Amino acid sequence: MISRTGETVLAAILLLASLQARAEASPAALTAQANLEEQRLELDRRTAPITDCRSFDAYARTMEGTEAFPLYKLSPSARARFVGALQFNARGLASFDYSDLVRELGAADIQRVLKPFGFQHLVAVMPDVRVNSEEDQQVLQILDSARSLRCGVGEHCNEADYPG
């Protein structure tokens, strides 16, 4: 069994190897990888279980109090602000306010809150995301690696990544 430190070192080595391989890859290969990543993100959005207010209410009731959907870790006022700011369109989530998420939750919990909307990848571009645990750090490393791949082939990688 590998210790937590060993896991972190292994993750860092794998990330470095991935970045080195990426540096040696051809532009066409990078573009193909980025296209696959963009298709995966679109699939996440299309298959998201929360696509409107009704599906949000049903999902929140079903998942209340579980680690899988830590919305209930937010203070009641923060939860009300987050839910009140959710806006949907025909494609699903169109807009939301993440300020209470980054103020009260770590990266892994934010990822869990946004995953049912299909926007878990946005954790990598949110400023001031808290890192409270090794899991938070791992989530940010994984999401940032995928974001770096997309950004490396000319995609917009800042505020344009946000829904709406």
Foldseek 3Di string as FASTA:
>chain_A
DADLVRVVVVVVVVLVVVVVVVVVDDLVVLVVLLVVLVVVLLVLQQPQQAFDPVSVVVVCVVCPPHLLAVLVQQDPVLSCQFSVQFDHDPSGTADTDCVSVQVRHALVNCLSNCSSNSLSLCSLADPNHDDPDVVSVVSNSVSVSSLCSNVVNPDDRYPVSGGD
